[in-house]
Amino acid sequence: MTRVNSAMLSQNVNKSVTLVGRVVSFAGSYCVVEACDGGQVQVLLVPGSHIDGDNCVVEVMGVVNQDMSVQEQASTKFDHDYGTL
């Protein structure tokens, strides 16, 4: 599975990817993740997703859609202060 940032999505349409970033907004069925390159990616969440709010770091494994959103297949949620000393 290819690890991507927002700029790499167009090269990976219909492919499985891993996206790591911070959730900047959450709306129940989807969230917006700020990737490491500063770009924002809409992630379409599966029912029962581990992603349940904003201001947390997530690793999302999913498939890139034609509209550059990512359909979640699995995810890992880290605390909001993950990566800080």
PDB file of N, CA and C in Angstrom:
ATOM      1  N   MET A   1       0.856  -1.171   0.000  1.00  0.00           N
ATOM      2  CA  MET A   1       0.000   0.000   0.000  1.00  0.00           C
ATOM      3  C   MET A   1       0.906   1.240   0.000  1.00  0.00           C
ATOM      4  N   THR A   2       0.594   2.164  -0.883  1.00  0.00           N
ATOM      5  CA  THR A   2       1.402   3.371  -1.035  1.00  0.00           C
ATOM      6  C   THR A   2       1.011   4.421  -0.003  1.00  0.00           C
ATOM      7  N   ARG A   3       1.995   5.002   0.675  1.00  0.00           N
ATOM      8  CA  ARG A   3       1.748   6.107   1.607  1.00  0.00           C
ATOM      9  C   ARG A   3       1.715   7.388   0.779  1.00  0.00           C
ATOM     10  N   VAL A   4       0.649   8.198   0.944  1.00  0.00           N
ATOM     11  CA  VAL A   4       0.452   9.381   0.103  1.00  0.00           C
ATOM     12  C   VAL A   4       0.253  10.638   0.939  1.00  0.00           C
ATOM     13  N   ASN A   5       0.447  11.787   0.263  1.00  0.00           N
ATOM     14  CA  ASN A   5       0.012  13.075   0.787  1.00  0.00           C
ATOM     15  C   ASN A   5      -1.072  13.575  -0.166  1.00  0.00           C
ATOM     16  N   SER A   6      -1.585  14.773   0.025  1.00  0.00           N
ATOM     17  CA  SER A   6      -2.697  15.245  -0.802  1.00  0.00           C
ATOM     18  C   SER A   6      -2.300  15.421  -2.269  1.00  0.00           C
ATOM     19  N   ALA A   7      -1.068  15.818  -2.533  1.00  0.00           N
ATOM     20  CA  ALA A   7      -0.618  16.048  -3.911  1.00  0.00           C
ATOM     21  C   ALA A   7      -0.483  14.746  -4.711  1.00  0.00           C
ATOM     22  N   MET A   8      -0.378  13.632  -4.024  1.00  0.00           N
ATOM     23  CA  MET A   8      -0.175  12.347  -4.692  1.00  0.00           C
ATOM     24  C   MET A   8      -1.476  11.612  -5.013  1.00  0.00           C
ATOM     25  N   LEU A   9      -2.608  12.133  -4.581  1.00  0.00           N
ATOM     26  CA  LEU A   9      -3.875  11.426  -4.767  1.00  0.00           C
ATOM     27  C   LEU A   9      -4.207  11.202  -6.241  1.00  0.00           C
ATOM     28  N   SER A  10      -3.989  12.210  -7.079  1.00  0.00           N
ATOM     29  CA  SER A  10      -4.357  12.089  -8.495  1.00  0.00           C
ATOM     30  C   SER A  10      -3.590  10.977  -9.206  1.00  0.00           C
ATOM     31  N   GLN A  11      -2.447  10.602  -8.699  1.00  0.00           N
ATOM     32  CA  GLN A  11      -1.654   9.520  -9.288  1.00  0.00           C
ATOM     33  C   GLN A  11      -2.090   8.152  -8.778  1.00  0.00           C
ATOM     34  N   ASN A  12      -3.037   8.129  -7.849  1.00  0.00           N
ATOM     35  CA  ASN A  12      -3.419   6.877  -7.192  1.00  0.00           C
ATOM     36  C   ASN A  12      -4.921   6.611  -7.200  1.00  0.00           C
ATOM     37  N   VAL A  13      -5.643   7.173  -8.173  1.00  0.00           N
ATOM     38  CA  VAL A  13      -7.090   6.962  -8.258  1.00  0.00           C
ATOM     39  C   VAL A  13      -7.379   5.472  -8.421  1.00  0.00           C
ATOM     40  N   ASN A  14      -8.357   4.997  -7.663  1.00  0.00           N
ATOM     41  CA  ASN A  14      -8.782   3.589  -7.652  1.00  0.00           C
ATOM     42  C   ASN A  14      -7.724   2.650  -7.072  1.00  0.00           C
ATOM     43  N   LYS A  15      -6.754   3.190  -6.370  1.00  0.00           N
ATOM     44  CA  LYS A  15      -5.714   2.373  -5.745  1.00  0.00           C
ATOM     45  C   LYS A  15      -5.817   2.472  -4.229  1.00  0.00           C
ATOM     46  N   SER A  16      -5.332   1.447  -3.562  1.00  0.00           N
ATOM     47  CA  SER A  16      -5.283   1.447  -2.102  1.00  0.00           C
ATOM     48  C   SER A  16      -4.094   2.277  -1.639  1.00  0.00           C
ATOM     49  N   VAL A  17      -4.327   3.146  -0.658  1.00  0.00           N
ATOM     50  CA  VAL A  17      -3.297   4.044  -0.146  1.00  0.00           C
ATOM     51  C   VAL A  17      -3.373   4.111   1.369  1.00  0.00           C
ATOM     52  N   THR A  18      -2.331   4.680   1.956  1.00  0.00           N
ATOM     53  CA  THR A  18      -2.312   5.027   3.377  1.00  0.00           C
ATOM     54  C   THR A  18      -2.073   6.523   3.475  1.00  0.00           C
ATOM     55  N   LEU A  19      -2.910   7.208   4.234  1.00  0.00           N
ATOM     56  CA  LEU A  19      -2.824   8.656   4.427  1.00  0.00           C
ATOM     57  C   LEU A  19      -2.694   8.927   5.917  1.00  0.00           C
ATOM     58  N   VAL A  20      -1.702   9.720   6.299  1.00  0.00           N
ATOM     59  CA  VAL A  20      -1.514  10.103   7.694  1.00  0.00           C
ATOM     60  C   VAL A  20      -1.681  11.610   7.794  1.00  0.00           C
ATOM     61  N   GLY A  21      -2.428  12.060   8.797  1.00  0.00           N
ATOM     62  CA  GLY A  21      -2.607  13.492   8.979  1.00  0.00           C
ATOM     63  C   GLY A  21      -3.448  13.799  10.200  1.00  0.00           C
ATOM     64  N   ARG A  22      -3.747  15.087  10.353  1.00  0.00           N
ATOM     65  CA  ARG A  22      -4.544  15.566  11.501  1.00  0.00           C
ATOM     66  C   ARG A  22      -5.959  15.872  11.029  1.00  0.00           C
ATOM     67  N   VAL A  23      -6.949  15.394  11.768  1.00  0.00           N
ATOM     68  CA  VAL A  23      -8.345  15.672  11.448  1.00  0.00           C
ATOM     69  C   VAL A  23      -8.632  17.134  11.795  1.00  0.00           C
ATOM     70  N   VAL A  24      -9.053  17.911  10.784  1.00  0.00           N
ATOM     71  CA  VAL A  24      -9.345  19.329  11.014  1.00  0.00           C
ATOM     72  C   VAL A  24     -10.841  19.610  11.081  1.00  0.00           C
ATOM     73  N   SER A  25     -11.652  18.687  10.548  1.00  0.00           N
ATOM     74  CA  SER A  25     -13.102  18.806  10.730  1.00  0.00           C
ATOM     75  C   SER A  25     -13.723  17.420  10.628  1.00  0.00           C
ATOM     76  N   PHE A  26     -14.853  17.276  11.315  1.00  0.00           N
ATOM     77  CA  PHE A  26     -15.530  15.991  11.409  1.00  0.00           C
ATOM     78  C   PHE A  26     -17.021  16.221  11.247  1.00  0.00           C
ATOM     79  N   ALA A  27     -17.655  15.427  10.381  1.00  0.00           N
ATOM     80  CA  ALA A  27     -19.083  15.627  10.126  1.00  0.00           C
ATOM     81  C   ALA A  27     -19.881  14.331  10.171  1.00  0.00           C
ATOM     82  N   GLY A  28     -19.447  13.351  10.940  1.00  0.00           N
ATOM     83  CA  GLY A  28     -20.203  12.120  11.097  1.00  0.00           C
ATOM     84  C   GLY A  28     -19.867  11.064  10.056  1.00  0.00           C
ATOM     85  N   SER A  29     -20.259  11.288   8.802  1.00  0.00           N
ATOM     86  CA  SER A  29     -20.004  10.302   7.750  1.00  0.00           C
ATOM     87  C   SER A  29     -18.695  10.568   7.005  1.00  0.00           C
ATOM     88  N   TYR A  30     -18.091  11.710   7.271  1.00  0.00           N
ATOM     89  CA  TYR A  30     -16.799  12.027   6.655  1.00  0.00           C
ATOM     90  C   TYR A  30     -16.021  12.967   7.553  1.00  0.00           C
ATOM     91  N   CYS A  31     -14.737  13.072   7.265  1.00  0.00           N
ATOM     92  CA  CYS A  31     -13.897  14.047   7.957  1.00  0.00           C
ATOM     93  C   CYS A  31     -12.937  14.643   6.943  1.00  0.00           C
ATOM     94  N   VAL A  32     -12.291  15.730   7.328  1.00  0.00           N
ATOM     95  CA  VAL A  32     -11.255  16.345   6.500  1.00  0.00           C
ATOM     96  C   VAL A  32      -9.942  16.197   7.251  1.00  0.00           C
ATOM     97  N   VAL A  33      -8.954  15.633   6.553  1.00  0.00           N
ATOM     98  CA  VAL A  33      -7.645  15.380   7.135  1.00  0.00           C
ATOM     99  C   VAL A  33      -6.626  16.304   6.476  1.00  0.00           C
ATOM    100  N   GLU A  34      -5.828  16.995   7.300  1.00  0.00           N
ATOM    101  CA  GLU A  34      -4.719  17.790   6.773  1.00  0.00           C
ATOM    102  C   GLU A  34      -3.509  16.872   6.680  1.00  0.00           C
ATOM    103  N   ALA A  35      -3.056  16.649   5.445  1.00  0.00           N
ATOM    104  CA  ALA A  35      -1.934  15.750   5.193  1.00  0.00           C
ATOM    105  C   ALA A  35      -0.612  16.452   5.508  1.00  0.00           C
ATOM    106  N   CYS A  36       0.475  15.702   5.442  1.00  0.00           N
ATOM    107  CA  CYS A  36       1.797  16.242   5.797  1.00  0.00           C
ATOM    108  C   CYS A  36       2.247  17.370   4.879  1.00  0.00           C
ATOM    109  N   ASP A  37       1.694  17.466   3.659  1.00  0.00           N
ATOM    110  CA  ASP A  37       2.060  18.553   2.747  1.00  0.00           C
ATOM    111  C   ASP A  37       1.171  19.775   2.920  1.00  0.00           C
ATOM    112  N   GLY A  38       0.273  19.742   3.919  1.00  0.00           N
ATOM    113  CA  GLY A  38      -0.601  20.880   4.200  1.00  0.00           C
ATOM    114  C   GLY A  38      -1.909  20.853   3.439  1.00  0.00           C
ATOM    115  N   GLY A  39      -2.045  19.946   2.472  1.00  0.00           N
ATOM    116  CA  GLY A  39      -3.285  19.836   1.715  1.00  0.00           C
ATOM    117  C   GLY A  39      -4.357  19.116   2.513  1.00  0.00           C
ATOM    118  N   GLN A  40      -5.611  19.413   2.174  1.00  0.00           N
ATOM    119  CA  GLN A  40      -6.721  18.795   2.885  1.00  0.00           C
ATOM    120  C   GLN A  40      -7.389  17.733   2.030  1.00  0.00           C
ATOM    121  N   VAL A  41      -7.733  16.619   2.672  1.00  0.00           N
ATOM    122  CA  VAL A  41      -8.305  15.468   1.988  1.00  0.00           C
ATOM    123  C   VAL A  41      -9.595  15.072   2.698  1.00  0.00           C
ATOM    124  N   GLN A  42     -10.678  14.925   1.928  1.00  0.00           N
ATOM    125  CA  GLN A  42     -11.924  14.432   2.491  1.00  0.00           C
ATOM    126  C   GLN A  42     -11.845  12.914   2.587  1.00  0.00           C
ATOM    127  N   VAL A  43     -12.146  12.382   3.768  1.00  0.00           N
ATOM    128  CA  VAL A  43     -12.145  10.941   4.006  1.00  0.00           C
ATOM    129  C   VAL A  43     -13.575  10.510   4.301  1.00  0.00           C
ATOM    130  N   LEU A  44     -14.088   9.597   3.489  1.00  0.00           N
ATOM    131  CA  LEU A  44     -15.434   9.060   3.669  1.00  0.00           C
ATOM    132  C   LEU A  44     -15.338   7.894   4.640  1.00  0.00           C
ATOM    133  N   LEU A  45     -16.012   7.998   5.766  1.00  0.00           N
ATOM    134  CA  LEU A  45     -15.846   7.045   6.857  1.00  0.00           C
ATOM    135  C   LEU A  45     -16.804   5.867   6.755  1.00  0.00           C
ATOM    136  N   VAL A  46     -16.335   4.710   7.176  1.00  0.00           N
ATOM    137  CA  VAL A  46     -17.190   3.528   7.256  1.00  0.00           C
ATOM    138  C   VAL A  46     -17.954   3.574   8.582  1.00  0.00           C
ATOM    139  N   PRO A  47     -19.127   2.945   8.647  1.00  0.00           N
ATOM    140  CA  PRO A  47     -19.846   2.883   9.923  1.00  0.00           C
ATOM    141  C   PRO A  47     -18.971   2.218  10.994  1.00  0.00           C
ATOM    142  N   GLY A  48     -18.938   2.808  12.184  1.00  0.00           N
ATOM    143  CA  GLY A  48     -18.131   2.272  13.271  1.00  0.00           C
ATOM    144  C   GLY A  48     -16.666   2.646  13.196  1.00  0.00           C
ATOM    145  N   SER A  49     -16.341   3.638  12.383  1.00  0.00           N
ATOM    146  CA  SER A  49     -14.957   4.079  12.223  1.00  0.00           C
ATOM    147  C   SER A  49     -14.352   4.504  13.559  1.00  0.00           C
ATOM    148  N   HIS A  50     -13.038   4.308  13.696  1.00  0.00           N
ATOM    149  CA  HIS A  50     -12.316   4.773  14.884  1.00  0.00           C
ATOM    150  C   HIS A  50     -12.217   6.296  14.915  1.00  0.00           C
ATOM    151  N   ILE A  51     -12.377   6.928  13.768  1.00  0.00           N
ATOM    152  CA  ILE A  51     -12.291   8.390  13.687  1.00  0.00           C
ATOM    153  C   ILE A  51     -13.641   8.946  14.126  1.00  0.00           C
ATOM    154  N   ASP A  52     -13.652   9.649  15.257  1.00  0.00           N
ATOM    155  CA  ASP A  52     -14.917  10.090  15.819  1.00  0.00           C
ATOM    156  C   ASP A  52     -14.894  11.538  16.301  1.00  0.00           C
ATOM    157  N   GLY A  53     -13.989  12.318  15.797  1.00  0.00           N
ATOM    158  CA  GLY A  53     -13.921  13.723  16.180  1.00  0.00           C
ATOM    159  C   GLY A  53     -12.724  14.386  15.540  1.00  0.00           C
ATOM    160  N   ASP A  54     -12.562  15.674  15.802  1.00  0.00           N
ATOM    161  CA  ASP A  54     -11.447  16.384  15.191  1.00  0.00           C
ATOM    162  C   ASP A  54     -10.302  16.575  16.185  1.00  0.00           C
ATOM    163  N   ASN A  55      -9.224  17.158  15.700  1.00  0.00           N
ATOM    164  CA  ASN A  55      -8.022  17.442  16.474  1.00  0.00           C
ATOM    165  C   ASN A  55      -7.326  16.173  16.962  1.00  0.00           C
ATOM    166  N   CYS A  56      -7.290  15.148  16.106  1.00  0.00           N
ATOM    167  CA  CYS A  56      -6.525  13.948  16.415  1.00  0.00           C
ATOM    168  C   CYS A  56      -5.719  13.577  15.170  1.00  0.00           C
ATOM    169  N   VAL A  57      -4.685  12.816  15.367  1.00  0.00           N
ATOM    170  CA  VAL A  57      -3.861  12.334  14.256  1.00  0.00           C
ATOM    171  C   VAL A  57      -4.380  10.951  13.871  1.00  0.00           C
ATOM    172  N   VAL A  58      -4.498  10.722  12.554  1.00  0.00           N
ATOM    173  CA  VAL A  58      -5.031   9.444  12.080  1.00  0.00           C
ATOM    174  C   VAL A  58      -4.157   8.873  10.969  1.00  0.00           C
ATOM    175  N   GLU A  59      -4.201   7.561  10.864  1.00  0.00           N
ATOM    176  CA  GLU A  59      -3.648   6.848   9.722  1.00  0.00           C
ATOM    177  C   GLU A  59      -4.845   6.161   9.073  1.00  0.00           C
ATOM    178  N   VAL A  60      -5.114   6.519   7.823  1.00  0.00           N
ATOM    179  CA  VAL A  60      -6.266   5.979   7.114  1.00  0.00           C
ATOM    180  C   VAL A  60      -5.775   5.098   5.974  1.00  0.00           C
ATOM    181  N   MET A  61      -6.280   3.873   5.921  1.00  0.00           N
ATOM    182  CA  MET A  61      -6.036   2.999   4.788  1.00  0.00           C
ATOM    183  C   MET A  61      -7.333   2.958   4.000  1.00  0.00           C
ATOM    184  N   GLY A  62      -7.235   3.254   2.705  1.00  0.00           N
ATOM    185  CA  GLY A  62      -8.440   3.306   1.898  1.00  0.00           C
ATOM    186  C   GLY A  62      -8.132   3.392   0.429  1.00  0.00           C
ATOM    187  N   VAL A  63      -9.178   3.659  -0.357  1.00  0.00           N
ATOM    188  CA  VAL A  63      -9.068   3.733  -1.809  1.00  0.00           C
ATOM    189  C   VAL A  63      -9.368   5.160  -2.246  1.00  0.00           C
ATOM    190  N   VAL A  64      -8.556   5.679  -3.180  1.00  0.00           N
ATOM    191  CA  VAL A  64      -8.736   7.036  -3.698  1.00  0.00           C
ATOM    192  C   VAL A  64      -9.861   7.032  -4.734  1.00  0.00           C
ATOM    193  N   ASN A  65     -10.849   7.904  -4.536  1.00  0.00           N
ATOM    194  CA  ASN A  65     -11.969   8.053  -5.461  1.00  0.00           C
ATOM    195  C   ASN A  65     -11.634   9.037  -6.577  1.00  0.00           C
ATOM    196  N   GLN A  66     -12.466   9.065  -7.611  1.00  0.00           N
ATOM    197  CA  GLN A  66     -12.271   9.975  -8.746  1.00  0.00           C
ATOM    198  C   GLN A  66     -12.219  11.443  -8.311  1.00  0.00           C
ATOM    199  N   ASP A  67     -12.964  11.793  -7.264  1.00  0.00           N
ATOM    200  CA  ASP A  67     -13.013  13.185  -6.802  1.00  0.00           C
ATOM    201  C   ASP A  67     -11.892  13.522  -5.807  1.00  0.00           C
ATOM    202  N   MET A  68     -10.905  12.634  -5.686  1.00  0.00           N
ATOM    203  CA  MET A  68      -9.727  12.783  -4.816  1.00  0.00           C
ATOM    204  C   MET A  68     -10.054  12.631  -3.335  1.00  0.00           C
ATOM    205  N   SER A  69     -11.248  12.168  -3.007  1.00  0.00           N
ATOM    206  CA  SER A  69     -11.539  11.797  -1.626  1.00  0.00           C
ATOM    207  C   SER A  69     -10.996  10.384  -1.408  1.00  0.00           C
ATOM    208  N   VAL A  70     -10.923   9.978  -0.156  1.00  0.00           N
ATOM    209  CA  VAL A  70     -10.455   8.632   0.173  1.00  0.00           C
ATOM    210  C   VAL A  70     -11.572   7.902   0.902  1.00  0.00           C
ATOM    211  N   GLN A  71     -11.919   6.723   0.410  1.00  0.00           N
ATOM    212  CA  GLN A  71     -12.911   5.873   1.074  1.00  0.00           C
ATOM    213  C   GLN A  71     -12.188   5.017   2.097  1.00  0.00           C
ATOM    214  N   GLU A  72     -12.455   5.273   3.363  1.00  0.00           N
ATOM    215  CA  GLU A  72     -11.798   4.533   4.440  1.00  0.00           C
ATOM    216  C   GLU A  72     -12.120   3.043   4.358  1.00  0.00           C
ATOM    217  N   GLN A  73     -11.102   2.214   4.561  1.00  0.00           N
ATOM    218  CA  GLN A  73     -11.286   0.774   4.738  1.00  0.00           C
ATOM    219  C   GLN A  73     -10.921   0.382   6.167  1.00  0.00           C
ATOM    220  N   ALA A  74      -9.909   1.054   6.712  1.00  0.00           N
ATOM    221  CA  ALA A  74      -9.474   0.845   8.088  1.00  0.00           C
ATOM    222  C   ALA A  74      -8.751   2.102   8.537  1.00  0.00           C
ATOM    223  N   SER A  75      -8.647   2.291   9.844  1.00  0.00           N
ATOM    224  CA  SER A  75      -7.947   3.479  10.344  1.00  0.00           C
ATOM    225  C   SER A  75      -7.426   3.234  11.748  1.00  0.00           C
ATOM    226  N   THR A  76      -6.455   4.062  12.113  1.00  0.00           N
ATOM    227  CA  THR A  76      -5.920   4.096  13.467  1.00  0.00           C
ATOM    228  C   THR A  76      -5.972   5.541  13.926  1.00  0.00           C
ATOM    229  N   LYS A  77      -6.460   5.755  15.138  1.00  0.00           N
ATOM    230  CA  LYS A  77      -6.563   7.108  15.698  1.00  0.00           C
ATOM    231  C   LYS A  77      -5.538   7.245  16.813  1.00  0.00           C
ATOM    232  N   PHE A  78      -4.812   8.364  16.799  1.00  0.00           N
ATOM    233  CA  PHE A  78      -3.843   8.671  17.838  1.00  0.00           C
ATOM    234  C   PHE A  78      -4.339   9.881  18.623  1.00  0.00           C
ATOM    235  N   ASP A  79      -3.846  10.088  19.822  1.00  0.00           N
ATOM    236  CA  ASP A  79      -4.233  11.243  20.625  1.00  0.00           C
ATOM    237  C   ASP A  79      -3.889  12.546  19.923  1.00  0.00           C
ATOM    238  N   HIS A  80      -4.563  13.628  20.313  1.00  0.00           N
ATOM    239  CA  HIS A  80      -4.355  14.930  19.706  1.00  0.00           C
ATOM    240  C   HIS A  80      -2.925  15.443  19.864  1.00  0.00           C
ATOM    241  N   ASP A  81      -2.191  14.987  20.861  1.00  0.00           N
ATOM    242  CA  ASP A  81      -0.819  15.465  21.075  1.00  0.00           C
ATOM    243  C   ASP A  81       0.231  14.485  20.547  1.00  0.00           C
ATOM    244  N   TYR A  82      -0.183  13.545  19.718  1.00  0.00           N
ATOM    245  CA  TYR A  82       0.744  12.571  19.138  1.00  0.00           C
ATOM    246  C   TYR A  82       1.822  13.304  18.357  1.00  0.00           C
ATOM    247  N   GLY A  83       3.059  12.930  18.554  1.00  0.00           N
ATOM    248  CA  GLY A  83       4.175  13.528  17.816  1.00  0.00           C
ATOM    249  C   GLY A  83       4.744  14.777  18.437  1.00  0.00           C
ATOM    250  N   THR A  84       4.222  15.210  19.598  1.00  0.00           N
ATOM    251  CA  THR A  84       4.791  16.372  20.272  1.00  0.00           C
ATOM    252  C   THR A  84       5.615  15.904  21.464  1.00  0.00           C
ATOM    253  N   LEU A  85       6.583  16.687  21.801  1.00  0.00           N
ATOM    254  CA  LEU A  85       7.436  16.331  22.944  1.00  0.00           C
ATOM    255  C   LEU A  85       7.015  17.083  24.188  1.00  0.00           C
TER     256      LEU A  85
END
